[in-house]
Structure formats: C-alpha cells, structure tokens
C-alpha cells in the first residue's frame, strides 16, 4: 500500500540527518508483518536476492527490468564513473561518528545498491547512475494490529533536467508493473520464512 510522504518524514529516522537534500519519491507499507526484532530478517531477504527479477513471477516485471538494463548499456547510463565514488560521493561520507562506526549492513547481491548503514529499526542503501542518486530506506514500524512491519521509502536526487524527466517517464511503469509484482513476491517470501523467524525467536 502506498503511503503519504509524511509516513516517512514524520518518523525520527537517522536518514534525515544524512539525506536532507534528497526528495521523497515513494513511501510504501510492506507486506511483512512480524515482531519488534525482525528488520534483520527483512534486510537479509532483500540482500540475498529473494526479491530480484528472477524471483518475481510477473513477466511484465521481468521485461521492464530487462529493457531498463539494456537501455542502460546502450546509452551508457550505468557506467562506473557515473556511480557511487564517481559522479557522486557515497553517503557514508556524511555519516556521524556513531553510524560510521556501527554496522554498515550487507550489500544486495542482485541489484546495484550499496549499503550505507544498518540499525535495529532502519537500513539504508544507495545507488547512483547517470540519471539519479537514490536511497532505498527500509524502516521497521508498528502496525495497526499491535505488531510490526516494514516500510520502504525511496529518496532521490535526479541528475539535472535529464534525471528529472527520466524519473517522471518511468513513474507509471514503477506503479503499474514494478511495485505490485515486487511486493507480491516479497510477501510470499516473507510468509514462507515465517517458521525460520519463529525458530530464531525461540532460540
């Protein structure tokens, strides 16, 4: 379910200290109900590749990603020099001392994000290319049933007019083809791992 930007901006996330010059593009409630300590399981699900294009059954999702990466290769959108440490510096350079000295978190295996920091209730990873510098922020929040769930915010800093036009052009595809399929796959994987999480809580 898509949420208003205030669902992200009203919470005391540490990401606000680091990415204040980024704009909130999307905020979503994730289909990942759990207990107070389950963010680590969700981060592992993201970073192990359980939600990559090969794990999502939707053919539309797969085609959209295949087209995007093909265009990126043809037009040079994803060259190394346009990424983190090239066109833009890493957000880790902005971290206060306590975050810099704490856990960085794992890097996703199947998508070109790099982990920035990992706390008990939030995890942030970044990506940059010729179009945008983006942050995927996963928070762990109380839900309406007395438990907890994941909440994803996408923060972006488009690369000039070209980046802004690119983000506007891909928005319909994200909303209609990418997010619905991604969240369905995420929910299935989360439910399938329920026994593992319960065993870990009992250990």
N, C-alpha and C. Protein backbone atom coordinates (compact mmCIF):
# COMPACT_ATOMS: atom_id res chain seq x y z
N UNK A 1 0.84 -1.19 0.00
CA UNK A 1 0.00 0.00 0.00
C UNK A 1 0.88 1.25 0.00
N UNK A 2 0.58 2.16 -0.91
CA UNK A 2 1.34 3.41 -0.94
C UNK A 2 0.90 4.30 0.20
N UNK A 3 1.87 4.98 0.81
CA UNK A 3 1.62 5.85 1.95
C UNK A 3 2.00 7.28 1.62
N UNK A 4 1.46 8.25 2.36
CA UNK A 4 1.88 9.64 2.14
C UNK A 4 3.34 9.84 2.57
N UNK A 5 3.96 10.84 2.03
CA UNK A 5 5.36 11.11 2.36
C UNK A 5 5.57 11.32 3.86
N UNK A 6 4.54 11.85 4.53
CA UNK A 6 4.66 12.09 5.96
C UNK A 6 4.84 10.82 6.77
N UNK A 7 4.44 9.66 6.22
CA UNK A 7 4.68 8.40 6.92
C UNK A 7 6.18 8.16 7.09
N UNK A 8 6.97 8.74 6.21
CA UNK A 8 8.43 8.66 6.33
C UNK A 8 9.00 9.89 7.05
N UNK A 9 8.59 11.07 6.61
CA UNK A 9 9.22 12.29 7.14
C UNK A 9 8.88 12.56 8.60
N UNK A 10 7.76 12.02 9.09
CA UNK A 10 7.36 12.30 10.47
C UNK A 10 8.08 11.42 11.49
N UNK A 11 8.78 10.40 11.02
CA UNK A 11 9.47 9.50 11.95
C UNK A 11 10.91 9.95 12.17
N UNK A 12 11.44 9.69 13.35
CA UNK A 12 12.79 10.18 13.68
C UNK A 12 13.90 9.30 13.11
N UNK A 13 13.84 9.05 11.82
CA UNK A 13 14.87 8.22 11.20
C UNK A 13 16.20 8.95 11.16
N UNK A 14 17.27 8.22 11.26
CA UNK A 14 18.61 8.82 11.14
C UNK A 14 18.90 9.26 9.71
N UNK A 15 18.20 8.70 8.74
CA UNK A 15 18.45 9.06 7.35
C UNK A 15 18.18 10.55 7.11
N UNK A 16 17.31 11.17 7.94
CA UNK A 16 17.02 12.59 7.75
C UNK A 16 18.28 13.44 7.96
N UNK A 17 19.19 12.98 8.82
CA UNK A 17 20.43 13.72 9.08
C UNK A 17 21.39 13.66 7.90
N UNK A 18 21.21 12.65 7.06
CA UNK A 18 22.20 12.34 6.04
C UNK A 18 21.74 12.73 4.64
N UNK A 19 20.47 12.57 4.37
CA UNK A 19 19.95 12.76 3.02
C UNK A 19 18.90 13.86 2.98
N UNK A 20 19.12 14.93 3.70
CA UNK A 20 18.16 16.02 3.74
C UNK A 20 17.98 16.73 2.40
N UNK A 21 18.95 16.58 1.49
CA UNK A 21 18.86 17.22 0.18
C UNK A 21 18.24 16.29 -0.87
N UNK A 22 17.76 15.13 -0.46
CA UNK A 22 17.05 14.22 -1.34
C UNK A 22 15.55 14.45 -1.18
N UNK A 23 14.79 14.16 -2.23
CA UNK A 23 13.33 14.28 -2.16
C UNK A 23 12.70 12.91 -1.98
N UNK A 24 11.60 12.86 -1.27
CA UNK A 24 10.89 11.61 -1.05
C UNK A 24 10.08 11.30 -2.31
N UNK A 25 10.43 10.22 -2.99
CA UNK A 25 9.75 9.83 -4.22
C UNK A 25 8.55 8.94 -3.94
N UNK A 26 8.74 7.95 -3.08
CA UNK A 26 7.68 6.99 -2.77
C UNK A 26 7.82 6.51 -1.34
N UNK A 27 6.69 6.17 -0.71
CA UNK A 27 6.69 5.50 0.59
C UNK A 27 5.65 4.38 0.51
N UNK A 28 6.04 3.18 0.94
CA UNK A 28 5.17 2.02 0.83
C UNK A 28 5.16 1.22 2.13
N UNK A 29 3.99 0.75 2.52
CA UNK A 29 3.87 -0.25 3.58
C UNK A 29 4.16 -1.61 2.97
N UNK A 30 5.05 -2.36 3.59
CA UNK A 30 5.46 -3.65 3.04
C UNK A 30 4.66 -4.80 3.66
N UNK A 31 4.38 -5.85 2.88
CA UNK A 31 3.58 -6.98 3.37
C UNK A 31 4.45 -7.94 4.19
N UNK A 32 5.02 -7.41 5.28
CA UNK A 32 5.99 -8.18 6.07
C UNK A 32 5.69 -8.06 7.56
N UNK A 33 4.53 -8.56 8.02
CA UNK A 33 4.22 -8.46 9.44
C UNK A 33 5.18 -9.30 10.27
N UNK A 34 5.54 -8.78 11.44
CA UNK A 34 6.48 -9.51 12.28
C UNK A 34 6.58 -8.93 13.67
N UNK A 35 7.64 -9.31 14.34
CA UNK A 35 7.88 -8.85 15.70
C UNK A 35 8.84 -7.69 15.73
N UNK A 36 9.15 -7.21 16.92
CA UNK A 36 9.96 -5.98 17.04
C UNK A 36 11.40 -6.12 16.55
N UNK A 37 11.90 -7.34 16.43
CA UNK A 37 13.31 -7.53 16.07
C UNK A 37 13.50 -8.14 14.69
N UNK A 38 12.51 -8.02 13.81
CA UNK A 38 12.55 -8.74 12.54
C UNK A 38 13.14 -7.95 11.37
N UNK A 39 13.59 -6.73 11.59
CA UNK A 39 14.15 -5.99 10.45
C UNK A 39 15.34 -6.73 9.86
N UNK A 40 16.16 -7.33 10.68
CA UNK A 40 17.34 -8.03 10.17
C UNK A 40 16.94 -9.13 9.19
N UNK A 41 15.81 -9.80 9.44
CA UNK A 41 15.34 -10.83 8.51
C UNK A 41 14.93 -10.22 7.18
N UNK A 42 14.27 -9.06 7.24
CA UNK A 42 13.84 -8.40 6.00
C UNK A 42 15.04 -7.92 5.20
N UNK A 43 16.04 -7.36 5.86
CA UNK A 43 17.25 -6.92 5.16
C UNK A 43 17.93 -8.11 4.50
N UNK A 44 17.98 -9.24 5.20
CA UNK A 44 18.59 -10.44 4.62
C UNK A 44 17.80 -10.90 3.39
N UNK A 45 16.48 -10.79 3.45
CA UNK A 45 15.66 -11.18 2.30
C UNK A 45 15.98 -10.29 1.10
N UNK A 46 16.13 -8.99 1.34
CA UNK A 46 16.50 -8.07 0.26
C UNK A 46 17.88 -8.40 -0.29
N UNK A 47 18.84 -8.55 0.58
CA UNK A 47 20.22 -8.64 0.13
C UNK A 47 20.59 -10.01 -0.41
N UNK A 48 19.85 -11.04 -0.05
CA UNK A 48 20.12 -12.38 -0.58
C UNK A 48 19.57 -12.58 -1.97
N UNK A 49 18.85 -11.61 -2.49
CA UNK A 49 18.33 -11.72 -3.85
C UNK A 49 16.98 -12.38 -3.95
N UNK A 50 16.28 -12.52 -2.81
CA UNK A 50 14.98 -13.20 -2.85
C UNK A 50 13.92 -12.40 -3.60
N UNK A 51 14.16 -11.10 -3.81
CA UNK A 51 13.18 -10.28 -4.50
C UNK A 51 13.70 -9.75 -5.84
N UNK A 52 14.75 -10.42 -6.39
CA UNK A 52 15.27 -9.92 -7.65
C UNK A 52 14.37 -10.34 -8.82
N UNK A 53 14.74 -9.92 -10.01
CA UNK A 53 13.87 -10.14 -11.17
C UNK A 53 13.63 -11.62 -11.45
N UNK A 54 14.59 -12.49 -11.13
CA UNK A 54 14.41 -13.91 -11.40
C UNK A 54 13.45 -14.56 -10.41
N UNK A 55 13.25 -13.91 -9.24
CA UNK A 55 12.38 -14.49 -8.22
C UNK A 55 10.95 -13.98 -8.34
N UNK A 56 10.72 -12.96 -9.13
CA UNK A 56 9.38 -12.38 -9.29
C UNK A 56 8.73 -13.01 -10.52
N UNK A 57 7.54 -13.57 -10.32
CA UNK A 57 6.90 -14.35 -11.38
C UNK A 57 6.31 -13.50 -12.49
N UNK A 58 6.06 -12.21 -12.25
CA UNK A 58 5.41 -11.37 -13.24
C UNK A 58 6.27 -11.18 -14.48
N UNK A 59 5.78 -11.56 -15.67
CA UNK A 59 6.55 -11.33 -16.90
C UNK A 59 6.72 -9.84 -17.20
N UNK A 60 5.74 -9.03 -16.82
CA UNK A 60 5.84 -7.59 -17.04
C UNK A 60 7.02 -7.02 -16.25
N UNK A 61 7.14 -7.44 -15.00
CA UNK A 61 8.25 -7.00 -14.14
C UNK A 61 9.59 -7.37 -14.78
N UNK A 62 9.69 -8.61 -15.24
CA UNK A 62 10.95 -9.06 -15.83
C UNK A 62 11.29 -8.30 -17.10
N UNK A 63 10.28 -8.07 -17.94
CA UNK A 63 10.52 -7.36 -19.19
C UNK A 63 10.95 -5.93 -18.92
N UNK A 64 10.30 -5.26 -17.96
CA UNK A 64 10.65 -3.88 -17.65
C UNK A 64 12.10 -3.77 -17.18
N UNK A 65 12.51 -4.69 -16.32
CA UNK A 65 13.90 -4.64 -15.85
C UNK A 65 14.87 -4.98 -16.97
N UNK A 66 14.52 -5.94 -17.81
CA UNK A 66 15.41 -6.29 -18.92
C UNK A 66 15.58 -5.10 -19.87
N UNK A 67 14.48 -4.41 -20.16
CA UNK A 67 14.54 -3.24 -21.04
C UNK A 67 15.38 -2.13 -20.40
N UNK A 68 15.17 -1.91 -19.10
CA UNK A 68 15.93 -0.85 -18.42
C UNK A 68 17.44 -1.11 -18.48
N UNK A 69 17.86 -2.34 -18.17
CA UNK A 69 19.30 -2.61 -18.17
C UNK A 69 19.87 -2.61 -19.58
N UNK A 70 19.06 -3.02 -20.56
CA UNK A 70 19.52 -2.97 -21.95
C UNK A 70 19.71 -1.53 -22.40
N UNK A 71 18.75 -0.66 -22.08
CA UNK A 71 18.90 0.76 -22.43
C UNK A 71 20.10 1.36 -21.71
N UNK A 72 20.29 0.98 -20.45
CA UNK A 72 21.42 1.50 -19.71
C UNK A 72 22.74 1.16 -20.37
N UNK A 73 22.86 -0.07 -20.87
CA UNK A 73 24.09 -0.46 -21.56
C UNK A 73 24.26 0.30 -22.88
N UNK A 74 23.17 0.42 -23.63
CA UNK A 74 23.25 1.07 -24.93
C UNK A 74 23.56 2.56 -24.82
N UNK A 75 22.95 3.21 -23.82
CA UNK A 75 23.07 4.67 -23.69
C UNK A 75 24.11 5.10 -22.66
N UNK A 76 24.74 4.15 -22.03
CA UNK A 76 25.81 4.47 -21.09
C UNK A 76 25.33 5.08 -19.79
N UNK A 77 24.12 4.73 -19.34
CA UNK A 77 23.59 5.32 -18.11
C UNK A 77 24.25 4.76 -16.85
N UNK A 78 24.84 3.57 -16.97
CA UNK A 78 25.31 2.87 -15.77
C UNK A 78 26.82 2.70 -15.75
N UNK A 79 27.53 3.58 -16.39
CA UNK A 79 28.99 3.49 -16.40
C UNK A 79 29.54 3.70 -14.99
N UNK A 80 30.67 3.07 -14.72
CA UNK A 80 31.27 3.14 -13.39
C UNK A 80 31.52 4.57 -12.94
N UNK A 81 31.94 5.41 -13.85
CA UNK A 81 32.24 6.79 -13.50
C UNK A 81 31.03 7.61 -13.11
N UNK A 82 29.83 7.11 -13.39
CA UNK A 82 28.60 7.82 -13.03
C UNK A 82 27.99 7.30 -11.73
N UNK A 83 28.65 6.32 -11.11
CA UNK A 83 28.11 5.71 -9.91
C UNK A 83 28.66 6.31 -8.63
N UNK A 84 28.47 5.56 -7.53
CA UNK A 84 28.98 5.98 -6.24
C UNK A 84 30.51 6.04 -6.29
N UNK A 85 31.08 7.14 -5.81
CA UNK A 85 32.52 7.31 -5.87
C UNK A 85 33.00 7.88 -7.19
N UNK A 86 32.06 8.08 -8.15
CA UNK A 86 32.40 8.68 -9.43
C UNK A 86 31.70 10.02 -9.55
N UNK A 87 30.49 9.99 -10.16
CA UNK A 87 29.73 11.24 -10.32
C UNK A 87 29.32 11.82 -8.98
N UNK A 88 29.02 10.94 -8.01
CA UNK A 88 28.61 11.41 -6.68
C UNK A 88 29.41 10.67 -5.61
N UNK A 89 29.56 11.31 -4.47
CA UNK A 89 30.22 10.67 -3.35
C UNK A 89 29.24 9.79 -2.58
N UNK A 90 29.77 8.83 -1.85
CA UNK A 90 28.92 7.97 -1.06
C UNK A 90 28.35 8.71 0.15
N UNK A 91 27.13 8.35 0.52
CA UNK A 91 26.52 8.93 1.71
C UNK A 91 27.23 8.51 2.98
N UNK A 92 28.04 7.49 2.92
CA UNK A 92 28.80 7.12 4.10
C UNK A 92 29.75 8.23 4.53
N UNK A 93 30.14 9.08 3.60
CA UNK A 93 31.00 10.21 3.95
C UNK A 93 30.27 11.24 4.81
N UNK A 94 28.94 11.19 4.81
CA UNK A 94 28.15 12.13 5.59
C UNK A 94 27.77 11.59 6.97
N UNK A 95 28.06 10.33 7.23
CA UNK A 95 27.58 9.72 8.46
C UNK A 95 28.22 10.34 9.70
N UNK A 96 27.43 10.58 10.75
CA UNK A 96 28.04 10.95 12.02
C UNK A 96 28.84 9.77 12.57
N UNK A 97 29.68 10.05 13.55
CA UNK A 97 30.64 9.04 14.01
C UNK A 97 29.96 7.76 14.48
N UNK A 98 28.83 7.87 15.19
CA UNK A 98 28.21 6.65 15.73
C UNK A 98 27.70 5.73 14.63
N UNK A 99 27.19 6.30 13.53
CA UNK A 99 26.73 5.48 12.43
C UNK A 99 27.91 4.94 11.62
N UNK A 100 28.94 5.74 11.45
CA UNK A 100 30.10 5.30 10.68
C UNK A 100 30.80 4.14 11.37
N UNK A 101 30.80 4.15 12.69
CA UNK A 101 31.48 3.09 13.44
C UNK A 101 30.58 1.88 13.69
N UNK A 102 29.28 2.01 13.39
CA UNK A 102 28.35 0.91 13.59
C UNK A 102 28.28 0.01 12.36
N UNK A 103 27.37 -0.95 12.37
CA UNK A 103 27.25 -1.88 11.25
C UNK A 103 26.86 -1.16 9.97
N UNK A 104 27.54 -1.51 8.87
CA UNK A 104 27.19 -0.94 7.56
C UNK A 104 26.04 -1.69 6.93
N UNK A 105 25.97 -2.97 7.22
CA UNK A 105 24.94 -3.80 6.61
C UNK A 105 25.42 -4.45 5.34
N UNK A 106 24.74 -5.50 4.89
CA UNK A 106 25.15 -6.22 3.68
C UNK A 106 24.73 -5.50 2.41
N UNK A 107 25.50 -5.67 1.36
CA UNK A 107 25.14 -5.15 0.04
C UNK A 107 24.21 -6.14 -0.66
N UNK A 108 23.18 -5.65 -1.34
CA UNK A 108 22.33 -6.55 -2.14
C UNK A 108 23.15 -7.26 -3.22
N UNK A 109 22.81 -8.52 -3.46
CA UNK A 109 23.56 -9.31 -4.44
C UNK A 109 23.13 -9.03 -5.87
N UNK A 110 21.85 -8.75 -6.08
CA UNK A 110 21.31 -8.77 -7.44
C UNK A 110 20.95 -7.40 -7.99
N UNK A 111 21.06 -6.35 -7.19
CA UNK A 111 20.79 -5.00 -7.67
C UNK A 111 21.96 -4.12 -7.25
N UNK A 112 22.25 -3.06 -8.02
CA UNK A 112 23.47 -2.29 -7.79
C UNK A 112 23.36 -1.25 -6.67
N UNK A 113 22.78 -1.65 -5.54
CA UNK A 113 22.76 -0.79 -4.36
C UNK A 113 23.94 -1.13 -3.46
N UNK A 114 24.40 -0.14 -2.71
CA UNK A 114 25.46 -0.31 -1.72
C UNK A 114 24.94 0.09 -0.36
N UNK A 115 25.12 -0.75 0.62
CA UNK A 115 24.61 -0.46 1.96
C UNK A 115 25.32 0.75 2.57
N UNK A 116 24.57 1.58 3.26
CA UNK A 116 25.11 2.77 3.91
C UNK A 116 25.21 2.56 5.42
N UNK A 117 24.14 2.11 6.07
CA UNK A 117 24.18 1.77 7.49
C UNK A 117 23.01 0.85 7.82
N UNK A 118 23.12 0.19 8.96
CA UNK A 118 22.11 -0.78 9.38
C UNK A 118 21.92 -0.67 10.89
N UNK A 119 20.72 -0.28 11.30
CA UNK A 119 20.37 -0.18 12.71
C UNK A 119 19.27 -1.19 13.04
N UNK A 120 18.86 -1.22 14.29
CA UNK A 120 17.82 -2.16 14.71
C UNK A 120 16.50 -1.92 13.99
N UNK A 121 16.21 -0.65 13.68
CA UNK A 121 14.91 -0.33 13.08
C UNK A 121 14.99 0.38 11.74
N UNK A 122 16.18 0.49 11.15
CA UNK A 122 16.27 1.07 9.81
C UNK A 122 17.55 0.62 9.10
N UNK A 123 17.42 0.55 7.79
CA UNK A 123 18.55 0.19 6.93
C UNK A 123 18.47 1.06 5.68
N UNK A 124 19.60 1.55 5.24
CA UNK A 124 19.64 2.40 4.05
C UNK A 124 20.71 1.89 3.09
N UNK A 125 20.38 1.93 1.80
CA UNK A 125 21.32 1.57 0.75
C UNK A 125 21.19 2.59 -0.37
N UNK A 126 22.26 2.81 -1.11
CA UNK A 126 22.27 3.84 -2.14
C UNK A 126 22.68 3.30 -3.50
N UNK A 127 22.27 4.03 -4.51
CA UNK A 127 22.58 3.71 -5.90
C UNK A 127 22.78 5.02 -6.64
N UNK A 128 23.69 5.04 -7.58
CA UNK A 128 23.84 6.22 -8.44
C UNK A 128 24.17 5.79 -9.86
N UNK A 129 23.64 6.52 -10.81
CA UNK A 129 23.98 6.33 -12.21
C UNK A 129 23.85 7.69 -12.89
N UNK A 130 23.79 7.71 -14.21
CA UNK A 130 23.74 8.99 -14.92
C UNK A 130 22.42 9.72 -14.72
N UNK A 131 21.38 9.01 -14.27
CA UNK A 131 20.07 9.63 -14.15
C UNK A 131 19.77 10.15 -12.74
N UNK A 132 20.28 9.48 -11.71
CA UNK A 132 19.82 9.78 -10.36
C UNK A 132 20.79 9.25 -9.31
N UNK A 133 20.77 9.87 -8.16
CA UNK A 133 21.37 9.31 -6.94
C UNK A 133 20.18 8.96 -6.06
N UNK A 134 20.03 7.70 -5.69
CA UNK A 134 18.83 7.24 -5.00
C UNK A 134 19.19 6.50 -3.71
N UNK A 135 18.27 6.56 -2.76
CA UNK A 135 18.41 5.84 -1.50
C UNK A 135 17.17 4.97 -1.32
N UNK A 136 17.40 3.72 -1.00
CA UNK A 136 16.32 2.84 -0.56
C UNK A 136 16.42 2.75 0.96
N UNK A 137 15.38 3.23 1.64
CA UNK A 137 15.37 3.21 3.10
C UNK A 137 14.28 2.25 3.57
N UNK A 138 14.67 1.26 4.35
CA UNK A 138 13.73 0.31 4.92
C UNK A 138 13.66 0.55 6.42
N UNK A 139 12.49 0.92 6.89
CA UNK A 139 12.27 1.11 8.32
C UNK A 139 11.40 0.02 8.88
N UNK A 140 11.41 -0.15 10.18
CA UNK A 140 10.60 -1.15 10.86
C UNK A 140 9.68 -0.41 11.81
N UNK A 141 8.37 -0.48 11.57
CA UNK A 141 7.42 0.39 12.25
C UNK A 141 6.29 -0.43 12.88
N UNK A 142 5.65 0.10 13.93
CA UNK A 142 4.47 -0.57 14.49
C UNK A 142 3.33 -0.58 13.47
N UNK A 143 2.56 -1.67 13.45
CA UNK A 143 1.41 -1.72 12.55
C UNK A 143 0.11 -1.56 13.34
N UNK A 144 -1.00 -1.64 12.63
CA UNK A 144 -2.30 -1.39 13.26
C UNK A 144 -2.79 -2.57 14.08
N UNK A 145 -2.11 -3.73 13.99
CA UNK A 145 -2.56 -4.94 14.69
C UNK A 145 -1.75 -5.23 15.95
N UNK A 146 -0.94 -4.27 16.36
CA UNK A 146 -0.13 -4.47 17.56
C UNK A 146 1.21 -5.13 17.30
N UNK A 147 1.53 -5.36 16.04
CA UNK A 147 2.83 -5.92 15.68
C UNK A 147 3.69 -4.90 14.97
N UNK A 148 4.51 -5.38 14.04
CA UNK A 148 5.41 -4.52 13.29
C UNK A 148 5.40 -4.94 11.83
N UNK A 149 5.90 -4.06 10.97
CA UNK A 149 6.03 -4.36 9.55
C UNK A 149 7.10 -3.46 8.96
N UNK A 150 7.51 -3.81 7.76
CA UNK A 150 8.47 -2.99 7.04
C UNK A 150 7.80 -1.81 6.35
N UNK A 151 8.58 -0.76 6.17
CA UNK A 151 8.13 0.42 5.43
C UNK A 151 9.29 0.88 4.55
N UNK A 152 9.04 0.99 3.27
CA UNK A 152 10.08 1.37 2.33
C UNK A 152 9.87 2.78 1.83
N UNK A 153 10.91 3.58 1.88
CA UNK A 153 10.90 4.91 1.27
C UNK A 153 11.99 4.97 0.21
N UNK A 154 11.67 5.56 -0.92
CA UNK A 154 12.64 5.78 -1.99
C UNK A 154 12.92 7.29 -2.03
N UNK A 155 14.17 7.64 -1.81
CA UNK A 155 14.60 9.04 -1.81
C UNK A 155 15.48 9.26 -3.04
N UNK A 156 15.29 10.37 -3.72
CA UNK A 156 16.02 10.58 -4.97
C UNK A 156 16.58 11.99 -5.06
N UNK A 157 17.68 12.07 -5.79
CA UNK A 157 18.24 13.35 -6.22
C UNK A 157 18.52 13.20 -7.72
N UNK A 158 17.57 13.64 -8.57
CA UNK A 158 17.75 13.48 -10.02
C UNK A 158 18.98 14.26 -10.50
N UNK A 159 19.61 13.75 -11.54
CA UNK A 159 20.78 14.39 -12.12
C UNK A 159 20.32 15.41 -13.16
N UNK A 160 20.03 16.62 -12.69
CA UNK A 160 19.64 17.70 -13.57
C UNK A 160 18.29 17.47 -14.25
N UNK A 161 18.06 18.19 -15.33
CA UNK A 161 16.80 18.10 -16.07
C UNK A 161 16.62 16.70 -16.66
N UNK A 162 17.69 16.13 -17.17
CA UNK A 162 17.61 14.79 -17.75
C UNK A 162 17.12 13.79 -16.69
N UNK A 163 17.68 13.86 -15.49
CA UNK A 163 17.27 12.94 -14.44
C UNK A 163 15.82 13.14 -14.03
N UNK A 164 15.39 14.40 -13.96
CA UNK A 164 14.01 14.69 -13.58
C UNK A 164 13.02 14.15 -14.63
N UNK A 165 13.35 14.33 -15.90
CA UNK A 165 12.49 13.82 -16.97
C UNK A 165 12.46 12.30 -16.94
N UNK A 166 13.62 11.69 -16.72
CA UNK A 166 13.68 10.23 -16.64
C UNK A 166 12.80 9.70 -15.52
N UNK A 167 12.88 10.31 -14.33
CA UNK A 167 12.08 9.85 -13.21
C UNK A 167 10.58 10.00 -13.50
N UNK A 168 10.21 11.09 -14.15
CA UNK A 168 8.80 11.29 -14.50
C UNK A 168 8.33 10.25 -15.51
N UNK A 169 9.19 9.89 -16.46
CA UNK A 169 8.80 8.94 -17.50
C UNK A 169 8.63 7.53 -16.97
N UNK A 170 9.44 7.14 -16.00
CA UNK A 170 9.36 5.76 -15.52
C UNK A 170 8.33 5.58 -14.40
N UNK A 171 7.77 6.67 -13.89
CA UNK A 171 6.83 6.55 -12.77
C UNK A 171 5.65 5.63 -13.08
N UNK A 172 4.97 5.77 -14.22
CA UNK A 172 3.84 4.86 -14.49
C UNK A 172 4.26 3.40 -14.51
N UNK A 173 5.43 3.11 -15.04
CA UNK A 173 5.90 1.73 -15.11
C UNK A 173 6.21 1.19 -13.71
N UNK A 174 6.75 2.03 -12.86
CA UNK A 174 7.02 1.60 -11.49
C UNK A 174 5.73 1.25 -10.76
N UNK A 175 4.73 2.14 -10.89
CA UNK A 175 3.48 1.95 -10.15
C UNK A 175 2.65 0.79 -10.69
N UNK A 176 2.65 0.61 -12.02
CA UNK A 176 1.79 -0.40 -12.62
C UNK A 176 2.46 -1.76 -12.78
N UNK A 177 3.77 -1.76 -13.03
CA UNK A 177 4.44 -3.01 -13.33
C UNK A 177 5.46 -3.50 -12.35
N UNK A 178 6.15 -2.57 -11.69
CA UNK A 178 7.27 -2.96 -10.83
C UNK A 178 6.83 -3.20 -9.39
N UNK A 179 6.29 -2.17 -8.76
CA UNK A 179 5.97 -2.30 -7.33
C UNK A 179 4.95 -3.40 -7.02
N UNK A 180 3.84 -3.49 -7.75
CA UNK A 180 2.87 -4.55 -7.41
C UNK A 180 3.48 -5.95 -7.46
N UNK A 181 4.25 -6.24 -8.51
CA UNK A 181 4.87 -7.56 -8.63
C UNK A 181 5.92 -7.77 -7.56
N UNK A 182 6.72 -6.75 -7.30
CA UNK A 182 7.76 -6.86 -6.28
C UNK A 182 7.17 -7.15 -4.91
N UNK A 183 6.12 -6.43 -4.55
CA UNK A 183 5.56 -6.60 -3.21
C UNK A 183 4.83 -7.93 -3.07
N UNK A 184 4.22 -8.42 -4.14
CA UNK A 184 3.61 -9.76 -4.07
C UNK A 184 4.68 -10.81 -3.81
N UNK A 185 5.78 -10.72 -4.54
CA UNK A 185 6.87 -11.68 -4.34
C UNK A 185 7.47 -11.54 -2.95
N UNK A 186 7.61 -10.32 -2.49
CA UNK A 186 8.15 -10.08 -1.16
C UNK A 186 7.27 -10.71 -0.09
N UNK A 187 5.97 -10.53 -0.22
CA UNK A 187 5.04 -11.09 0.76
C UNK A 187 5.08 -12.61 0.77
N UNK A 188 5.17 -13.24 -0.42
CA UNK A 188 5.24 -14.69 -0.48
C UNK A 188 6.51 -15.21 0.20
N UNK A 189 7.63 -14.56 -0.09
CA UNK A 189 8.89 -15.00 0.51
C UNK A 189 8.87 -14.80 2.02
N UNK A 190 8.29 -13.69 2.45
CA UNK A 190 8.22 -13.40 3.89
C UNK A 190 7.38 -14.45 4.62
N UNK A 191 6.25 -14.79 4.04
CA UNK A 191 5.40 -15.80 4.67
C UNK A 191 6.09 -17.16 4.67
N UNK A 192 6.81 -17.47 3.61
CA UNK A 192 7.49 -18.76 3.53
C UNK A 192 8.58 -18.89 4.58
N UNK A 193 9.13 -17.76 5.04
CA UNK A 193 10.21 -17.80 6.03
C UNK A 193 9.69 -17.61 7.46
N UNK A 194 8.38 -17.65 7.65
CA UNK A 194 7.81 -17.42 8.98
C UNK A 194 8.32 -18.41 10.01
N UNK A 195 8.43 -19.69 9.62
CA UNK A 195 8.90 -20.72 10.55
C UNK A 195 10.34 -20.46 10.98
N UNK A 196 11.16 -20.02 10.05
CA UNK A 196 12.56 -19.72 10.37
C UNK A 196 12.66 -18.57 11.36
N UNK A 197 11.85 -17.53 11.15
CA UNK A 197 11.88 -16.40 12.08
C UNK A 197 11.41 -16.81 13.46
N UNK A 198 10.36 -17.63 13.52
CA UNK A 198 9.84 -18.08 14.81
C UNK A 198 10.86 -18.93 15.55
N UNK A 199 11.58 -19.78 14.81
CA UNK A 199 12.61 -20.60 15.44
C UNK A 199 13.73 -19.75 16.00
N UNK A 200 14.08 -18.70 15.28
CA UNK A 200 15.13 -17.81 15.76
C UNK A 200 14.74 -17.07 17.01
N UNK A 201 13.46 -16.71 17.13
CA UNK A 201 12.98 -16.02 18.32
C UNK A 201 12.94 -16.93 19.53
N UNK A 202 12.72 -18.25 19.30
CA UNK A 202 12.69 -19.19 20.41
C UNK A 202 14.08 -19.60 20.87
N UNK A 203 15.06 -19.48 19.97
CA UNK A 203 16.42 -19.93 20.30
C UNK A 203 17.05 -19.06 21.39
